[in-house]
N, C-alpha and C. Protein backbone atom coordinates (compact mmCIF):
# COMPACT_ATOMS: atom_id res chain seq x y z
N UNK A 1 27.29 -28.19 22.44
CA UNK A 1 27.98 -26.98 22.59
C UNK A 1 28.18 -26.40 21.69
N UNK A 2 28.75 -27.72 20.88
CA UNK A 2 29.62 -27.04 19.20
C UNK A 2 28.59 -26.68 18.43
N UNK A 3 27.90 -26.90 18.58
CA UNK A 3 26.17 -26.67 17.32
C UNK A 3 25.97 -25.15 17.79
N UNK A 4 25.87 -24.79 18.84
CA UNK A 4 25.61 -23.52 19.16
C UNK A 4 26.82 -22.83 18.97
N UNK A 5 28.02 -23.20 19.18
CA UNK A 5 29.43 -22.05 18.21
C UNK A 5 29.30 -21.99 17.36
N UNK A 6 28.98 -23.33 16.26
CA UNK A 6 28.81 -23.06 14.82
C UNK A 6 28.02 -22.40 14.13
N UNK A 7 26.56 -22.33 15.00
CA UNK A 7 25.66 -21.13 14.72
C UNK A 7 25.86 -19.91 15.31
N UNK A 8 26.50 -19.95 16.03
CA UNK A 8 26.57 -17.97 16.00
C UNK A 8 28.63 -17.41 15.33
N UNK A 9 29.08 -18.62 14.81
CA UNK A 9 29.95 -18.02 14.21
C UNK A 9 29.04 -18.09 12.54
N UNK A 10 28.31 -18.72 12.08
CA UNK A 10 27.72 -18.43 11.22
C UNK A 10 26.86 -17.04 10.79
N UNK A 11 26.43 -17.21 11.81
CA UNK A 11 25.45 -15.76 11.97
C UNK A 11 26.84 -14.24 12.22
N UNK A 12 27.88 -14.63 12.22
CA UNK A 12 28.54 -13.69 12.65
C UNK A 12 29.32 -13.42 11.17
N UNK A 13 30.09 -14.47 9.99
CA UNK A 13 30.57 -14.20 9.24
C UNK A 13 29.10 -13.88 8.16
N UNK A 14 27.99 -14.54 8.29
CA UNK A 14 26.59 -13.71 7.54
C UNK A 14 26.46 -12.01 8.07
N UNK A 15 26.24 -11.59 9.09
CA UNK A 15 26.63 -10.58 9.76
C UNK A 15 27.88 -9.46 8.66
N UNK A 16 29.43 -10.72 9.24
CA UNK A 16 29.69 -9.56 8.16
C UNK A 16 30.16 -9.10 6.56
N UNK A 17 29.39 -10.32 6.02
CA UNK A 17 29.54 -9.93 4.24
C UNK A 17 28.44 -9.28 4.29
N UNK A 18 26.99 -9.03 4.65
CA UNK A 18 26.10 -8.22 4.72
C UNK A 18 26.05 -6.71 5.27
N UNK A 19 27.44 -6.16 6.51
CA UNK A 19 27.51 -5.43 6.56
C UNK A 19 28.35 -4.22 6.44
N UNK A 20 30.15 -5.44 6.31
CA UNK A 20 30.97 -4.69 6.12
C UNK A 20 32.25 -4.46 4.39
N UNK A 21 30.70 -5.62 4.10
CA UNK A 21 30.94 -5.29 1.95
C UNK A 21 30.60 -5.03 1.11
N UNK A 22 29.96 -3.56 1.82
CA UNK A 22 29.04 -3.08 1.54
C UNK A 22 29.74 -1.94 0.62
N UNK A 23 29.43 -1.88 -0.78
CA UNK A 23 29.79 -0.92 -1.92
C UNK A 23 29.28 0.28 -2.29
N UNK A 24 29.15 1.63 -2.18
CA UNK A 24 28.67 2.30 -1.74
C UNK A 24 28.26 2.52 -3.75
N UNK A 25 26.94 3.30 -4.27
CA UNK A 25 26.68 3.22 -5.05
C UNK A 25 25.91 5.07 -5.58
N UNK A 26 26.82 5.98 -6.52
CA UNK A 26 26.45 6.78 -6.19
C UNK A 26 25.69 7.16 -7.64
N UNK A 27 24.58 7.51 -8.19
CA UNK A 27 24.12 7.99 -9.82
C UNK A 27 25.02 9.47 -10.01
N UNK A 28 25.44 9.04 -10.65
CA UNK A 28 26.07 10.79 -11.52
C UNK A 28 25.06 11.66 -12.51
N UNK A 29 25.17 12.71 -12.27
CA UNK A 29 24.17 13.65 -12.83
C UNK A 29 23.83 13.51 -14.57
N UNK A 30 24.68 12.87 -14.97
CA UNK A 30 25.13 12.19 -16.78
C UNK A 30 23.56 11.00 -16.23
N UNK A 31 23.58 9.95 -15.89
CA UNK A 31 22.86 9.23 -15.17
C UNK A 31 21.05 9.69 -16.05
N UNK A 32 20.36 9.53 -16.67
CA UNK A 32 19.08 9.12 -16.88
C UNK A 32 18.46 8.32 -16.90
N UNK A 33 18.42 7.94 -15.48
CA UNK A 33 17.22 6.97 -15.02
C UNK A 33 16.42 6.99 -14.74
N UNK A 34 16.48 8.72 -14.07
CA UNK A 34 14.58 9.22 -13.48
C UNK A 34 13.88 9.14 -14.98
N UNK A 35 15.08 9.29 -16.29
CA UNK A 35 14.14 10.57 -18.04
C UNK A 35 13.91 8.79 -18.62
N UNK A 36 14.21 7.82 -17.63
CA UNK A 36 13.98 6.75 -18.93
C UNK A 36 12.23 6.25 -18.85
N UNK A 37 11.77 5.58 -19.77
CA UNK A 37 10.77 5.87 -20.40
C UNK A 37 9.95 4.61 -19.50
N UNK A 38 10.39 3.74 -18.48
CA UNK A 38 10.40 2.72 -17.49
C UNK A 38 9.75 3.88 -16.34
N UNK A 39 10.84 4.47 -15.77
CA UNK A 39 10.93 5.78 -14.83
C UNK A 39 8.90 6.65 -14.97
N UNK A 40 9.03 7.07 -16.15
CA UNK A 40 7.88 7.91 -16.19
C UNK A 40 6.50 7.19 -16.81
N UNK A 41 6.81 6.11 -16.98
CA UNK A 41 5.35 5.07 -17.52
C UNK A 41 5.12 5.20 -16.33
N UNK A 42 5.81 4.58 -14.92
CA UNK A 42 5.10 4.06 -13.70
C UNK A 42 4.70 4.93 -12.93
N UNK A 43 5.63 6.14 -12.88
CA UNK A 43 5.00 8.18 -12.71
C UNK A 43 3.81 7.78 -12.85
N UNK A 44 3.51 7.14 -14.57
CA UNK A 44 2.13 8.52 -14.84
C UNK A 44 0.69 7.11 -14.43
N UNK A 45 1.57 6.08 -14.36
CA UNK A 45 0.42 4.83 -14.15
C UNK A 45 0.23 5.01 -12.52
N UNK A 46 0.96 5.39 -12.33
CA UNK A 46 0.45 5.36 -10.20
C UNK A 46 -0.48 7.04 -10.20
N UNK A 47 -0.18 7.88 -10.51
CA UNK A 47 -0.32 9.11 -11.03
C UNK A 47 -2.31 8.77 -11.36
N UNK A 48 -2.59 7.53 -12.42
CA UNK A 48 -3.62 7.55 -13.29
C UNK A 48 -4.96 6.59 -12.04
N UNK A 49 -3.76 5.63 -11.65
CA UNK A 49 -3.94 4.97 -10.51
C UNK A 49 -5.12 5.31 -9.37
N UNK A 50 -3.89 6.13 -9.31
CA UNK A 50 -4.89 7.48 -7.31
C UNK A 50 -5.26 8.09 -7.69
N UNK A 51 -5.41 8.71 -9.19
CA UNK A 51 -6.74 9.51 -9.21
C UNK A 51 -8.17 8.90 -9.71
N UNK A 52 -7.55 7.74 -10.16
CA UNK A 52 -9.03 7.39 -10.02
C UNK A 52 -9.51 6.13 -8.92
N UNK A 53 -8.28 5.60 -8.20
CA UNK A 53 -9.14 5.21 -6.95
C UNK A 53 -9.50 6.34 -5.89
N UNK A 54 -8.82 7.55 -5.85
CA UNK A 54 -10.22 8.04 -5.34
C UNK A 54 -11.07 8.89 -6.02
N UNK A 55 -11.27 8.56 -7.08
CA UNK A 55 -13.27 9.16 -7.50
C UNK A 55 -13.84 8.06 -7.33
N UNK A 56 -13.07 6.90 -7.73
CA UNK A 56 -13.97 5.69 -7.78
C UNK A 56 -14.24 4.69 -6.16
N UNK A 57 -13.53 4.88 -5.36
CA UNK A 57 -13.72 4.15 -4.08
C UNK A 57 -15.48 4.91 -3.75
N UNK A 58 -15.42 6.39 -3.23
CA UNK A 58 -16.10 6.28 -2.53
C UNK A 58 -17.31 6.40 -3.30
N UNK A 59 -17.26 5.83 -4.75
CA UNK A 59 -18.32 5.60 -5.23
C UNK A 59 -19.46 4.66 -5.12
N UNK A 60 -18.02 3.77 -5.36
CA UNK A 60 -18.33 1.75 -4.89
C UNK A 60 -18.69 2.01 -3.54
N UNK A 61 -18.22 2.31 -2.96
CA UNK A 61 -18.26 2.24 -1.21
C UNK A 61 -19.75 3.06 -1.11
N UNK A 62 -20.21 3.57 -1.62
CA UNK A 62 -21.61 4.77 -1.59
C UNK A 62 -22.54 3.63 -1.77
N UNK A 63 -22.80 3.15 -2.55
CA UNK A 63 -23.41 1.95 -3.35
C UNK A 63 -23.52 0.81 -2.92
N UNK A 64 -22.05 0.33 -1.66
CA UNK A 64 -22.34 -0.94 -1.29
C UNK A 64 -23.24 -0.24 0.38
N UNK A 65 -22.31 0.68 0.71
CA UNK A 65 -23.26 1.13 1.35
C UNK A 65 -25.05 1.13 1.99
N UNK A 66 -25.12 1.77 0.74
CA UNK A 66 -26.24 1.60 0.09
C UNK A 66 -27.08 0.29 0.65
N UNK A 67 -27.06 -0.59 -0.35
CA UNK A 67 -27.12 -1.94 -0.38
C UNK A 67 -26.92 -2.90 1.40
N UNK A 68 -26.34 -2.13 1.60
CA UNK A 68 -26.19 -3.14 3.63
C UNK A 68 -27.29 -2.39 4.06
N UNK A 69 -27.39 -0.93 4.03
CA UNK A 69 -28.52 -0.55 4.80
C UNK A 69 -29.55 -1.67 4.12
N UNK A 70 -30.21 -1.49 2.74
CA UNK A 70 -31.22 -2.02 2.23
C UNK A 70 -31.35 -3.37 2.68
N UNK A 71 -30.18 -4.23 3.04
CA UNK A 71 -30.59 -5.64 3.24
C UNK A 71 -30.32 -5.33 5.42
N UNK A 72 -30.23 -4.18 5.36
CA UNK A 72 -30.02 -4.33 7.34
C UNK A 72 -31.57 -4.43 7.34
N UNK A 73 -32.32 -3.90 7.03
CA UNK A 73 -33.39 -3.40 6.95
C UNK A 73 -34.44 -4.38 6.79
N UNK A 74 -33.90 -5.50 6.22
CA UNK A 74 -34.96 -7.16 6.24
C UNK A 74 -34.53 -7.99 6.95
N UNK A 75 -33.44 -7.77 7.57
CA UNK A 75 -33.05 -8.80 8.43
C UNK A 75 -33.54 -8.71 9.55
N UNK A 76 -33.37 -9.62 10.40
CA UNK A 76 -33.64 -9.79 12.35
C UNK A 76 -32.52 -8.99 13.41
N UNK A 77 -32.61 -9.31 14.09
CA UNK A 77 -31.79 -8.92 14.99
C UNK A 77 -30.45 -8.81 15.28
N UNK A 78 -31.00 -10.55 14.66
CA UNK A 78 -28.99 -11.03 14.79
C UNK A 78 -28.09 -10.77 13.95
N UNK A 79 -28.84 -10.64 12.50
CA UNK A 79 -28.74 -10.16 11.46
C UNK A 79 -28.30 -8.84 11.19
N UNK A 80 -29.07 -8.50 11.77
CA UNK A 80 -28.77 -6.56 11.87
C UNK A 80 -27.34 -6.08 12.37
N UNK A 81 -27.20 -6.97 13.62
CA UNK A 81 -25.16 -6.86 13.71
C UNK A 81 -24.29 -7.04 12.81
N UNK A 82 -24.15 -8.38 12.34
CA UNK A 82 -23.48 -8.49 10.88
C UNK A 82 -23.66 -7.58 10.33
N UNK A 83 -24.85 -6.94 9.51
CA UNK A 83 -24.63 -5.50 8.35
C UNK A 83 -24.55 -4.79 8.61
N UNK A 84 -24.46 -4.14 10.41
CA UNK A 84 -23.97 -3.36 10.98
C UNK A 84 -22.64 -2.83 10.75
N UNK A 85 -22.32 -3.94 11.27
CA UNK A 85 -20.26 -4.35 10.91
C UNK A 85 -19.97 -4.23 9.40
N UNK A 86 -20.37 -4.83 8.70
CA UNK A 86 -20.11 -4.78 7.06
C UNK A 86 -20.49 -3.39 7.09
N UNK A 87 -21.04 -2.35 7.32
CA UNK A 87 -21.62 -0.86 7.04
C UNK A 87 -20.16 -0.36 7.13
N UNK A 88 -19.94 -0.82 8.90
CA UNK A 88 -18.49 -0.36 9.37
C UNK A 88 -17.55 -0.38 8.63
N UNK A 89 -17.59 -1.31 8.38
CA UNK A 89 -15.53 -1.99 7.42
C UNK A 89 -16.27 -1.29 5.90
N UNK A 90 -17.21 -0.69 5.01
CA UNK A 90 -17.41 -0.33 4.14
C UNK A 90 -16.76 1.28 4.37
N UNK A 91 -17.45 1.45 5.70
CA UNK A 91 -17.07 3.21 5.43
C UNK A 91 -15.51 3.30 5.87
N UNK A 92 -14.83 2.37 6.90
CA UNK A 92 -14.09 2.46 7.03
C UNK A 92 -12.39 2.29 5.95
N UNK A 93 -12.95 1.45 5.13
CA UNK A 93 -12.39 1.06 3.68
C UNK A 93 -12.29 2.17 3.04
N UNK A 94 -13.52 2.74 2.18
CA UNK A 94 -13.56 4.20 1.79
C UNK A 94 -12.56 5.13 2.08
N UNK A 95 -12.59 5.66 3.52
CA UNK A 95 -11.58 6.25 4.23
C UNK A 95 -10.88 5.66 3.73
N UNK A 96 -9.83 4.28 4.32
CA UNK A 96 -8.59 4.19 3.55
C UNK A 96 -8.33 4.09 2.78
N UNK A 97 -9.34 3.78 1.81
CA UNK A 97 -8.95 3.95 0.31
C UNK A 97 -8.31 4.93 -0.36
N UNK A 98 -9.46 6.30 0.05
CA UNK A 98 -9.04 8.21 -0.15
C UNK A 98 -7.67 8.51 0.06
N UNK A 99 -7.59 8.18 1.44
CA UNK A 99 -6.44 8.20 1.87
C UNK A 99 -5.53 7.79 2.07
N UNK A 100 -5.65 6.57 1.52
CA UNK A 100 -4.04 5.82 0.92
C UNK A 100 -3.79 6.32 -0.22
N UNK A 101 -4.89 5.80 -1.49
CA UNK A 101 -4.46 7.19 -2.29
C UNK A 101 -4.00 8.92 -2.72
N UNK A 102 -4.29 9.36 -1.75
CA UNK A 102 -4.24 10.85 -1.79
C UNK A 102 -2.72 10.72 -1.14
N UNK A 103 -2.56 10.18 -0.41
CA UNK A 103 -0.63 9.88 0.17
C UNK A 103 0.14 9.37 -0.25
N UNK A 104 -0.42 8.10 -1.25
CA UNK A 104 0.27 8.44 -2.87
C UNK A 104 1.04 9.54 -3.87
N UNK A 105 -0.43 9.90 -3.88
CA UNK A 105 -0.44 11.35 -5.04
C UNK A 105 0.41 12.33 -4.20
N UNK A 106 0.45 11.97 -3.18
CA UNK A 106 1.10 13.13 -2.13
C UNK A 106 2.58 13.39 -2.01
N UNK A 107 3.18 12.11 -2.06
CA UNK A 107 4.34 11.73 -2.42
C UNK A 107 5.18 11.44 -3.66
N UNK A 108 3.87 10.78 -4.91
CA UNK A 108 4.95 11.07 -5.71
C UNK A 108 4.90 12.55 -6.48
N UNK A 109 3.91 13.54 -5.95
CA UNK A 109 4.40 14.80 -6.34
C UNK A 109 5.60 15.46 -5.88
N UNK A 110 6.11 14.91 -5.03
CA UNK A 110 7.21 14.87 -4.69
C UNK A 110 8.61 15.11 -6.17
N UNK A 111 8.42 14.69 -6.52
CA UNK A 111 9.34 13.71 -7.86
C UNK A 111 9.44 14.36 -8.73
N UNK A 112 8.42 15.62 -9.36
CA UNK A 112 7.83 15.94 -10.31
C UNK A 112 8.63 17.53 -10.48
């Protein structure tokens, strides 16, 4: 029973340290963190990556889907199910990559 009490006490002490000893930090208007090279460079990098992903994902996905259709046409019935699954996965992945890239690009657009 004493082990349980000590563990409960440890949890309460950890909660007290984490939640009650919080110091608020506010950015002042003279702070130029948003204008630093790291912030602007990261923003530009994310913009470039999302733009390239929106261009390359459908192209690569389309090529893979064509390849999977070609492989499916030469497969037997059992292997055709596997190729159908790969085609479905490729389509879903392309849609997910384009939507994810568009969402990141949209979020970044609000910070400009």
